């Protein structure tokens, strides 16, 4: 799994990403600009699945998946919920340091 990630064949799942970040002591992913990529990264950092995040912020899981893939642009209310989750994930990460 790690070898494939190191060779850019795939990325770690949320299940493993949180542990990798804790082991390394830093986030080994690029700081993304788009909302979709920031959502994906925050989800990895928090170690949560799409299902867990969708329940936490009150958004349908399939909608969250499409937003994370960059296929769908969220409406204002959904975007605000996602921004809240991004902030919470960042605060939780800073508190771990």
PDB file of N, CA and C in Angstrom:
ATOM      1  N   UNK A   1       0.816  -1.189   0.000  1.00  0.00           N
ATOM      2  CA  UNK A   1       0.000   0.000   0.000  1.00  0.00           C
ATOM      3  C   UNK A   1       0.860   1.254   0.000  1.00  0.00           C
ATOM      4  N   UNK A   2       1.819   1.335   0.895  1.00  0.00           N
ATOM      5  CA  UNK A   2       2.677   2.517   0.958  1.00  0.00           C
ATOM      6  C   UNK A   2       3.537   2.613  -0.286  1.00  0.00           C
ATOM      7  N   UNK A   3       4.020   1.472  -0.781  1.00  0.00           N
ATOM      8  CA  UNK A   3       4.856   1.487  -1.982  1.00  0.00           C
ATOM      9  C   UNK A   3       4.095   2.071  -3.163  1.00  0.00           C
ATOM     10  N   UNK A   4       2.847   1.648  -3.350  1.00  0.00           N
ATOM     11  CA  UNK A   4       2.038   2.172  -4.449  1.00  0.00           C
ATOM     12  C   UNK A   4       1.826   3.671  -4.289  1.00  0.00           C
ATOM     13  N   UNK A   5       1.655   4.125  -3.052  1.00  0.00           N
ATOM     14  CA  UNK A   5       1.468   5.558  -2.802  1.00  0.00           C
ATOM     15  C   UNK A   5       2.755   6.309  -3.114  1.00  0.00           C
ATOM     16  N   UNK A   6       3.899   5.760  -2.676  1.00  0.00           N
ATOM     17  CA  UNK A   6       5.175   6.417  -2.928  1.00  0.00           C
ATOM     18  C   UNK A   6       5.482   6.510  -4.415  1.00  0.00           C
ATOM     19  N   UNK A   7       4.983   5.556  -5.193  1.00  0.00           N
ATOM     20  CA  UNK A   7       5.217   5.545  -6.635  1.00  0.00           C
ATOM     21  C   UNK A   7       4.098   6.259  -7.404  1.00  0.00           C
ATOM     22  N   UNK A   8       3.233   6.970  -6.699  1.00  0.00           N
ATOM     23  CA  UNK A   8       2.117   7.727  -7.291  1.00  0.00           C
ATOM     24  C   UNK A   8       1.143   6.860  -8.069  1.00  0.00           C
ATOM     25  N   UNK A   9       0.977   5.616  -7.642  1.00  0.00           N
ATOM     26  CA  UNK A   9       0.003   4.727  -8.278  1.00  0.00           C
ATOM     27  C   UNK A   9      -1.379   4.894  -7.671  1.00  0.00           C
ATOM     28  N   UNK A  10      -1.439   5.319  -6.426  1.00  0.00           N
ATOM     29  CA  UNK A  10      -2.711   5.596  -5.775  1.00  0.00           C
ATOM     30  C   UNK A  10      -2.462   6.471  -4.555  1.00  0.00           C
ATOM     31  N   UNK A  11      -3.529   6.843  -3.876  1.00  0.00           N
ATOM     32  CA  UNK A  11      -3.409   7.639  -2.662  1.00  0.00           C
ATOM     33  C   UNK A  11      -3.972   6.829  -1.513  1.00  0.00           C
ATOM     34  N   UNK A  12      -3.482   7.060  -0.306  1.00  0.00           N
ATOM     35  CA  UNK A  12      -3.998   6.303   0.841  1.00  0.00           C
ATOM     36  C   UNK A  12      -5.460   6.636   1.116  1.00  0.00           C
ATOM     37  N   UNK A  13      -6.176   5.660   1.605  1.00  0.00           N
ATOM     38  CA  UNK A  13      -7.574   5.879   1.970  1.00  0.00           C
ATOM     39  C   UNK A  13      -7.626   6.629   3.300  1.00  0.00           C
ATOM     40  N   UNK A  14      -8.810   7.108   3.628  1.00  0.00           N
ATOM     41  CA  UNK A  14      -8.979   7.840   4.891  1.00  0.00           C
ATOM     42  C   UNK A  14      -8.570   6.977   6.071  1.00  0.00           C
ATOM     43  N   UNK A  15      -8.799   5.685   5.952  1.00  0.00           N
ATOM     44  CA  UNK A  15      -8.461   4.755   7.027  1.00  0.00           C
ATOM     45  C   UNK A  15      -6.974   4.808   7.368  1.00  0.00           C
ATOM     46  N   UNK A  16      -6.125   4.951   6.350  1.00  0.00           N
ATOM     47  CA  UNK A  16      -4.683   4.941   6.558  1.00  0.00           C
ATOM     48  C   UNK A  16      -4.045   6.325   6.583  1.00  0.00           C
ATOM     49  N   UNK A  17      -4.670   7.295   5.909  1.00  0.00           N
ATOM     50  CA  UNK A  17      -4.070   8.627   5.787  1.00  0.00           C
ATOM     51  C   UNK A  17      -3.839   9.277   7.139  1.00  0.00           C
ATOM     52  N   UNK A  18      -4.804   9.173   8.038  1.00  0.00           N
ATOM     53  CA  UNK A  18      -4.658   9.791   9.357  1.00  0.00           C
ATOM     54  C   UNK A  18      -3.459   9.197  10.089  1.00  0.00           C
ATOM     55  N   UNK A  19      -3.288   7.881  10.002  1.00  0.00           N
ATOM     56  CA  UNK A  19      -2.152   7.227  10.660  1.00  0.00           C
ATOM     57  C   UNK A  19      -0.824   7.622  10.022  1.00  0.00           C
ATOM     58  N   UNK A  20      -0.819   7.770   8.710  1.00  0.00           N
ATOM     59  CA  UNK A  20       0.402   8.182   8.006  1.00  0.00           C
ATOM     60  C   UNK A  20       0.802   9.582   8.464  1.00  0.00           C
ATOM     61  N   UNK A  21      -0.172  10.487   8.554  1.00  0.00           N
ATOM     62  CA  UNK A  21       0.099  11.859   8.984  1.00  0.00           C
ATOM     63  C   UNK A  21       0.618  11.870  10.419  1.00  0.00           C
ATOM     64  N   UNK A  22      -0.001  11.088  11.287  1.00  0.00           N
ATOM     65  CA  UNK A  22       0.465  11.013  12.675  1.00  0.00           C
ATOM     66  C   UNK A  22       1.886  10.463  12.745  1.00  0.00           C
ATOM     67  N   UNK A  23       2.198   9.450  11.937  1.00  0.00           N
ATOM     68  CA  UNK A  23       3.531   8.859  11.940  1.00  0.00           C
ATOM     69  C   UNK A  23       4.585   9.849  11.437  1.00  0.00           C
ATOM     70  N   UNK A  24       4.273  10.527  10.336  1.00  0.00           N
ATOM     71  CA  UNK A  24       5.231  11.464   9.750  1.00  0.00           C
ATOM     72  C   UNK A  24       5.353  12.754  10.564  1.00  0.00           C
ATOM     73  N   UNK A  25       4.276  13.167  11.198  1.00  0.00           N
ATOM     74  CA  UNK A  25       4.283  14.408  11.954  1.00  0.00           C
ATOM     75  C   UNK A  25       3.989  15.628  11.092  1.00  0.00           C
ATOM     76  N   UNK A  26       3.614  15.418   9.855  1.00  0.00           N
ATOM     77  CA  UNK A  26       3.220  16.510   8.964  1.00  0.00           C
ATOM     78  C   UNK A  26       2.289  15.950   7.896  1.00  0.00           C
ATOM     79  N   UNK A  27       1.655  16.832   7.148  1.00  0.00           N
ATOM     80  CA  UNK A  27       0.741  16.420   6.089  1.00  0.00           C
ATOM     81  C   UNK A  27       1.528  16.354   4.782  1.00  0.00           C
ATOM     82  N   UNK A  28       1.716  15.141   4.238  1.00  0.00           N
ATOM     83  CA  UNK A  28       2.552  14.994   3.046  1.00  0.00           C
ATOM     84  C   UNK A  28       1.814  15.242   1.729  1.00  0.00           C
ATOM     85  N   UNK A  29       0.724  15.973   1.770  1.00  0.00           N
ATOM     86  CA  UNK A  29      -0.053  16.249   0.575  1.00  0.00           C
ATOM     87  C   UNK A  29       0.056  17.727   0.242  1.00  0.00           C
ATOM     88  N   UNK A  30      -0.117  18.050  -1.026  1.00  0.00           N
ATOM     89  CA  UNK A  30      -0.046  19.444  -1.450  1.00  0.00           C
ATOM     90  C   UNK A  30      -1.243  20.216  -0.903  1.00  0.00           C
ATOM     91  N   UNK A  31      -1.062  21.505  -0.710  1.00  0.00           N
ATOM     92  CA  UNK A  31      -2.149  22.359  -0.247  1.00  0.00           C
ATOM     93  C   UNK A  31      -3.000  22.744  -1.458  1.00  0.00           C
ATOM     94  N   UNK A  32      -4.173  22.141  -1.607  1.00  0.00           N
ATOM     95  CA  UNK A  32      -4.991  22.363  -2.804  1.00  0.00           C
ATOM     96  C   UNK A  32      -5.731  23.695  -2.778  1.00  0.00           C
ATOM     97  N   UNK A  33      -6.082  24.166  -3.947  1.00  0.00           N
ATOM     98  CA  UNK A  33      -6.797  25.432  -4.092  1.00  0.00           C
ATOM     99  C   UNK A  33      -8.302  25.225  -4.211  1.00  0.00           C
ATOM    100  N   UNK A  34      -8.736  24.194  -4.917  1.00  0.00           N
ATOM    101  CA  UNK A  34     -10.169  24.017  -5.155  1.00  0.00           C
ATOM    102  C   UNK A  34     -10.875  23.484  -3.914  1.00  0.00           C
ATOM    103  N   UNK A  35     -12.152  23.805  -3.805  1.00  0.00           N
ATOM    104  CA  UNK A  35     -12.960  23.330  -2.689  1.00  0.00           C
ATOM    105  C   UNK A  35     -12.994  21.803  -2.683  1.00  0.00           C
ATOM    106  N   UNK A  36     -13.119  21.205  -3.840  1.00  0.00           N
ATOM    107  CA  UNK A  36     -13.191  19.747  -3.946  1.00  0.00           C
ATOM    108  C   UNK A  36     -11.939  19.089  -3.366  1.00  0.00           C
ATOM    109  N   UNK A  37     -10.793  19.592  -3.725  1.00  0.00           N
ATOM    110  CA  UNK A  37      -9.541  18.995  -3.245  1.00  0.00           C
ATOM    111  C   UNK A  37      -9.291  19.318  -1.775  1.00  0.00           C
ATOM    112  N   UNK A  38      -9.714  20.518  -1.333  1.00  0.00           N
ATOM    113  CA  UNK A  38      -9.575  20.851   0.090  1.00  0.00           C
ATOM    114  C   UNK A  38     -10.472  19.953   0.936  1.00  0.00           C
ATOM    115  N   UNK A  39     -11.671  19.662   0.439  1.00  0.00           N
ATOM    116  CA  UNK A  39     -12.587  18.767   1.129  1.00  0.00           C
ATOM    117  C   UNK A  39     -11.982  17.365   1.232  1.00  0.00           C
ATOM    118  N   UNK A  40     -11.437  16.881   0.139  1.00  0.00           N
ATOM    119  CA  UNK A  40     -10.813  15.557   0.122  1.00  0.00           C
ATOM    120  C   UNK A  40      -9.652  15.494   1.116  1.00  0.00           C
ATOM    121  N   UNK A  41      -8.810  16.500   1.102  1.00  0.00           N
ATOM    122  CA  UNK A  41      -7.654  16.523   2.000  1.00  0.00           C
ATOM    123  C   UNK A  41      -8.094  16.614   3.464  1.00  0.00           C
ATOM    124  N   UNK A  42      -9.069  17.454   3.752  1.00  0.00           N
ATOM    125  CA  UNK A  42      -9.561  17.580   5.131  1.00  0.00           C
ATOM    126  C   UNK A  42     -10.156  16.264   5.607  1.00  0.00           C
ATOM    127  N   UNK A  43     -10.826  15.576   4.708  1.00  0.00           N
ATOM    128  CA  UNK A  43     -11.405  14.285   5.070  1.00  0.00           C
ATOM    129  C   UNK A  43     -10.303  13.268   5.369  1.00  0.00           C
ATOM    130  N   UNK A  44      -9.243  13.279   4.569  1.00  0.00           N
ATOM    131  CA  UNK A  44      -8.118  12.377   4.826  1.00  0.00           C
ATOM    132  C   UNK A  44      -7.437  12.707   6.150  1.00  0.00           C
ATOM    133  N   UNK A  45      -7.208  13.979   6.387  1.00  0.00           N
ATOM    134  CA  UNK A  45      -6.537  14.399   7.625  1.00  0.00           C
ATOM    135  C   UNK A  45      -7.356  13.985   8.847  1.00  0.00           C
ATOM    136  N   UNK A  46      -8.671  14.111   8.746  1.00  0.00           N
ATOM    137  CA  UNK A  46      -9.520  13.758   9.875  1.00  0.00           C
ATOM    138  C   UNK A  46      -9.731  12.251   9.992  1.00  0.00           C
ATOM    139  N   UNK A  47      -9.369  11.509   8.940  1.00  0.00           N
ATOM    140  CA  UNK A  47      -9.526  10.056   8.968  1.00  0.00           C
ATOM    141  C   UNK A  47     -10.962   9.603   8.827  1.00  0.00           C
ATOM    142  N   UNK A  48     -11.803  10.454   8.250  1.00  0.00           N
ATOM    143  CA  UNK A  48     -13.225  10.140   8.130  1.00  0.00           C
ATOM    144  C   UNK A  48     -13.576   9.710   6.715  1.00  0.00           C
ATOM    145  N   UNK A  49     -14.584   8.862   6.626  1.00  0.00           N
ATOM    146  CA  UNK A  49     -15.088   8.430   5.327  1.00  0.00           C
ATOM    147  C   UNK A  49     -16.063   9.472   4.800  1.00  0.00           C
ATOM    148  N   UNK A  50     -16.421   9.347   3.526  1.00  0.00           N
ATOM    149  CA  UNK A  50     -17.412  10.253   2.962  1.00  0.00           C
ATOM    150  C   UNK A  50     -18.737  10.105   3.694  1.00  0.00           C
ATOM    151  N   UNK A  51     -19.065   8.891   4.071  1.00  0.00           N
ATOM    152  CA  UNK A  51     -20.309   8.657   4.801  1.00  0.00           C
ATOM    153  C   UNK A  51     -20.308   9.394   6.140  1.00  0.00           C
ATOM    154  N   UNK A  52     -19.205   9.324   6.863  1.00  0.00           N
ATOM    155  CA  UNK A  52     -19.109   9.995   8.166  1.00  0.00           C
ATOM    156  C   UNK A  52     -19.209  11.512   8.025  1.00  0.00           C
ATOM    157  N   UNK A  53     -18.506  12.062   7.043  1.00  0.00           N
ATOM    158  CA  UNK A  53     -18.538  13.517   6.839  1.00  0.00           C
ATOM    159  C   UNK A  53     -19.927  13.961   6.398  1.00  0.00           C
ATOM    160  N   UNK A  54     -20.546  13.207   5.499  1.00  0.00           N
ATOM    161  CA  UNK A  54     -21.879  13.593   5.026  1.00  0.00           C
ATOM    162  C   UNK A  54     -22.886  13.615   6.174  1.00  0.00           C
ATOM    163  N   UNK A  55     -22.794  12.657   7.090  1.00  0.00           N
ATOM    164  CA  UNK A  55     -23.692  12.657   8.253  1.00  0.00           C
ATOM    165  C   UNK A  55     -23.373  13.821   9.188  1.00  0.00           C
ATOM    166  N   UNK A  56     -22.087  14.109   9.354  1.00  0.00           N
ATOM    167  CA  UNK A  56     -21.674  15.176  10.264  1.00  0.00           C
ATOM    168  C   UNK A  56     -22.163  16.550   9.814  1.00  0.00           C
ATOM    169  N   UNK A  57     -22.122  16.792   8.516  1.00  0.00           N
ATOM    170  CA  UNK A  57     -22.510  18.117   8.029  1.00  0.00           C
ATOM    171  C   UNK A  57     -23.927  18.154   7.462  1.00  0.00           C
ATOM    172  N   UNK A  58     -24.605  17.006   7.423  1.00  0.00           N
ATOM    173  CA  UNK A  58     -25.990  16.983   6.973  1.00  0.00           C
ATOM    174  C   UNK A  58     -26.163  17.120   5.476  1.00  0.00           C
ATOM    175  N   UNK A  59     -25.298  16.456   4.724  1.00  0.00           N
ATOM    176  CA  UNK A  59     -25.367  16.481   3.264  1.00  0.00           C
ATOM    177  C   UNK A  59     -25.451  15.038   2.783  1.00  0.00           C
ATOM    178  N   UNK A  60     -26.190  14.803   1.714  1.00  0.00           N
ATOM    179  CA  UNK A  60     -26.300  13.465   1.161  1.00  0.00           C
ATOM    180  C   UNK A  60     -24.919  12.964   0.720  1.00  0.00           C
ATOM    181  N   UNK A  61     -24.632  11.698   1.013  1.00  0.00           N
ATOM    182  CA  UNK A  61     -23.318  11.137   0.703  1.00  0.00           C
ATOM    183  C   UNK A  61     -22.995  11.187  -0.791  1.00  0.00           C
ATOM    184  N   UNK A  62     -23.963  10.901  -1.646  1.00  0.00           N
ATOM    185  CA  UNK A  62     -23.709  10.928  -3.089  1.00  0.00           C
ATOM    186  C   UNK A  62     -23.414  12.353  -3.559  1.00  0.00           C
ATOM    187  N   UNK A  63     -24.086  13.336  -2.967  1.00  0.00           N
ATOM    188  CA  UNK A  63     -23.828  14.740  -3.284  1.00  0.00           C
ATOM    189  C   UNK A  63     -22.410  15.130  -2.854  1.00  0.00           C
ATOM    190  N   UNK A  64     -22.026  14.707  -1.647  1.00  0.00           N
ATOM    191  CA  UNK A  64     -20.681  14.992  -1.149  1.00  0.00           C
ATOM    192  C   UNK A  64     -19.627  14.369  -2.056  1.00  0.00           C
ATOM    193  N   UNK A  65     -19.866  13.139  -2.494  1.00  0.00           N
ATOM    194  CA  UNK A  65     -18.925  12.447  -3.377  1.00  0.00           C
ATOM    195  C   UNK A  65     -18.728  13.230  -4.687  1.00  0.00           C
ATOM    196  N   UNK A  66     -19.831  13.697  -5.265  1.00  0.00           N
ATOM    197  CA  UNK A  66     -19.738  14.448  -6.519  1.00  0.00           C
ATOM    198  C   UNK A  66     -19.040  15.791  -6.321  1.00  0.00           C
ATOM    199  N   UNK A  67     -19.267  16.418  -5.183  1.00  0.00           N
ATOM    200  CA  UNK A  67     -18.581  17.676  -4.877  1.00  0.00           C
ATOM    201  C   UNK A  67     -17.085  17.420  -4.726  1.00  0.00           C
ATOM    202  N   UNK A  68     -16.744  16.347  -4.009  1.00  0.00           N
ATOM    203  CA  UNK A  68     -15.337  16.011  -3.785  1.00  0.00           C
ATOM    204  C   UNK A  68     -14.616  15.669  -5.089  1.00  0.00           C
ATOM    205  N   UNK A  69     -15.330  15.083  -6.021  1.00  0.00           N
ATOM    206  CA  UNK A  69     -14.753  14.753  -7.325  1.00  0.00           C
ATOM    207  C   UNK A  69     -14.669  15.973  -8.250  1.00  0.00           C
ATOM    208  N   UNK A  70     -15.311  17.067  -7.856  1.00  0.00           N
ATOM    209  CA  UNK A  70     -15.300  18.273  -8.673  1.00  0.00           C
ATOM    210  C   UNK A  70     -16.333  18.263  -9.774  1.00  0.00           C
ATOM    211  N   UNK A  71     -17.258  17.305  -9.732  1.00  0.00           N
ATOM    212  CA  UNK A  71     -18.301  17.176 -10.748  1.00  0.00           C
ATOM    213  C   UNK A  71     -19.450  18.136 -10.468  1.00  0.00           C
ATOM    214  N   UNK A  72     -19.716  18.375  -9.195  1.00  0.00           N
ATOM    215  CA  UNK A  72     -20.834  19.230  -8.788  1.00  0.00           C
ATOM    216  C   UNK A  72     -20.323  20.412  -7.978  1.00  0.00           C
ATOM    217  N   UNK A  73     -20.901  21.562  -8.229  1.00  0.00           N
ATOM    218  CA  UNK A  73     -20.604  22.758  -7.440  1.00  0.00           C
ATOM    219  C   UNK A  73     -21.697  22.897  -6.386  1.00  0.00           C
ATOM    220  N   UNK A  74     -21.322  22.980  -5.121  1.00  0.00           N
ATOM    221  CA  UNK A  74     -22.346  23.038  -4.071  1.00  0.00           C
ATOM    222  C   UNK A  74     -23.063  24.388  -4.032  1.00  0.00           C
ATOM    223  N   UNK A  75     -24.323  24.325  -3.612  1.00  0.00           N
ATOM    224  CA  UNK A  75     -25.066  25.552  -3.370  1.00  0.00           C
ATOM    225  C   UNK A  75     -24.510  26.233  -2.120  1.00  0.00           C
ATOM    226  N   UNK A  76     -24.894  27.474  -1.909  1.00  0.00           N
ATOM    227  CA  UNK A  76     -24.337  28.275  -0.816  1.00  0.00           C
ATOM    228  C   UNK A  76     -24.453  27.589   0.540  1.00  0.00           C
ATOM    229  N   UNK A  77     -25.616  27.059   0.867  1.00  0.00           N
ATOM    230  CA  UNK A  77     -25.826  26.438   2.175  1.00  0.00           C
ATOM    231  C   UNK A  77     -24.914  25.212   2.356  1.00  0.00           C
ATOM    232  N   UNK A  78     -24.806  24.401   1.322  1.00  0.00           N
ATOM    233  CA  UNK A  78     -23.930  23.224   1.378  1.00  0.00           C
ATOM    234  C   UNK A  78     -22.480  23.654   1.455  1.00  0.00           C
ATOM    235  N   UNK A  79     -22.132  24.696   0.707  1.00  0.00           N
ATOM    236  CA  UNK A  79     -20.759  25.199   0.740  1.00  0.00           C
ATOM    237  C   UNK A  79     -20.387  25.689   2.144  1.00  0.00           C
ATOM    238  N   UNK A  80     -21.319  26.340   2.813  1.00  0.00           N
ATOM    239  CA  UNK A  80     -21.074  26.814   4.174  1.00  0.00           C
ATOM    240  C   UNK A  80     -20.837  25.638   5.124  1.00  0.00           C
ATOM    241  N   UNK A  81     -21.598  24.565   4.953  1.00  0.00           N
ATOM    242  CA  UNK A  81     -21.412  23.376   5.778  1.00  0.00           C
ATOM    243  C   UNK A  81     -20.029  22.753   5.521  1.00  0.00           C
ATOM    244  N   UNK A  82     -19.633  22.733   4.262  1.00  0.00           N
ATOM    245  CA  UNK A  82     -18.320  22.174   3.913  1.00  0.00           C
ATOM    246  C   UNK A  82     -17.213  23.045   4.486  1.00  0.00           C
ATOM    247  N   UNK A  83     -17.353  24.363   4.368  1.00  0.00           N
ATOM    248  CA  UNK A  83     -16.357  25.278   4.927  1.00  0.00           C
ATOM    249  C   UNK A  83     -16.237  25.091   6.442  1.00  0.00           C
ATOM    250  N   UNK A  84     -17.376  24.850   7.120  1.00  0.00           N
ATOM    251  CA  UNK A  84     -17.349  24.578   8.555  1.00  0.00           C
ATOM    252  C   UNK A  84     -16.534  23.315   8.833  1.00  0.00           C
ATOM    253  N   UNK A  85     -16.774  22.266   8.050  1.00  0.00           N
ATOM    254  CA  UNK A  85     -16.027  21.019   8.234  1.00  0.00           C
ATOM    255  C   UNK A  85     -14.532  21.239   7.986  1.00  0.00           C
ATOM    256  N   UNK A  86     -14.189  22.001   6.958  1.00  0.00           N
ATOM    257  CA  UNK A  86     -12.777  22.282   6.660  1.00  0.00           C
ATOM    258  C   UNK A  86     -12.116  22.982   7.840  1.00  0.00           C
ATOM    259  N   UNK A  87     -12.810  23.945   8.419  1.00  0.00           N
ATOM    260  CA  UNK A  87     -12.279  24.682   9.572  1.00  0.00           C
ATOM    261  C   UNK A  87     -12.111  23.754  10.770  1.00  0.00           C
ATOM    262  N   UNK A  88     -13.106  22.910  11.016  1.00  0.00           N
ATOM    263  CA  UNK A  88     -13.044  21.966  12.131  1.00  0.00           C
ATOM    264  C   UNK A  88     -11.886  20.982  11.960  1.00  0.00           C
ATOM    265  N   UNK A  89     -11.670  20.509  10.745  1.00  0.00           N
ATOM    266  CA  UNK A  89     -10.580  19.566  10.477  1.00  0.00           C
ATOM    267  C   UNK A  89      -9.234  20.240  10.703  1.00  0.00           C
ATOM    268  N   UNK A  90      -9.120  21.496  10.310  1.00  0.00           N
ATOM    269  CA  UNK A  90      -7.877  22.246  10.499  1.00  0.00           C
ATOM    270  C   UNK A  90      -7.598  22.476  11.987  1.00  0.00           C
ATOM    271  N   UNK A  91      -8.631  22.887  12.720  1.00  0.00           N
ATOM    272  CA  UNK A  91      -8.476  23.118  14.158  1.00  0.00           C
ATOM    273  C   UNK A  91      -8.091  21.830  14.867  1.00  0.00           C
ATOM    274  N   UNK A  92      -8.737  20.734  14.506  1.00  0.00           N
ATOM    275  CA  UNK A  92      -8.409  19.444  15.127  1.00  0.00           C
ATOM    276  C   UNK A  92      -6.980  19.049  14.826  1.00  0.00           C
ATOM    277  N   UNK A  93      -6.515  19.326  13.633  1.00  0.00           N
ATOM    278  CA  UNK A  93      -5.137  18.987  13.244  1.00  0.00           C
ATOM    279  C   UNK A  93      -4.145  19.837  14.035  1.00  0.00           C
ATOM    280  N   UNK A  94      -4.416  21.119  14.183  1.00  0.00           N
ATOM    281  CA  UNK A  94      -3.528  22.015  14.913  1.00  0.00           C
ATOM    282  C   UNK A  94      -3.469  21.602  16.387  1.00  0.00           C
ATOM    283  N   UNK A  95      -4.589  21.177  16.939  1.00  0.00           N
ATOM    284  CA  UNK A  95      -4.626  20.765  18.330  1.00  0.00           C
ATOM    285  C   UNK A  95      -3.798  19.512  18.584  1.00  0.00           C
ATOM    286  N   UNK A  96      -3.607  18.689  17.540  1.00  0.00           N
ATOM    287  CA  UNK A  96      -2.809  17.468  17.681  1.00  0.00           C
ATOM    288  C   UNK A  96      -1.315  17.765  17.715  1.00  0.00           C
ATOM    289  N   UNK A  97      -0.920  18.868  17.134  1.00  0.00           N
ATOM    290  CA  UNK A  97       0.525  19.192  17.018  1.00  0.00           C
ATOM    291  C   UNK A  97       1.110  19.565  18.334  1.00  0.00           C
TER     292      UNK A  97
END
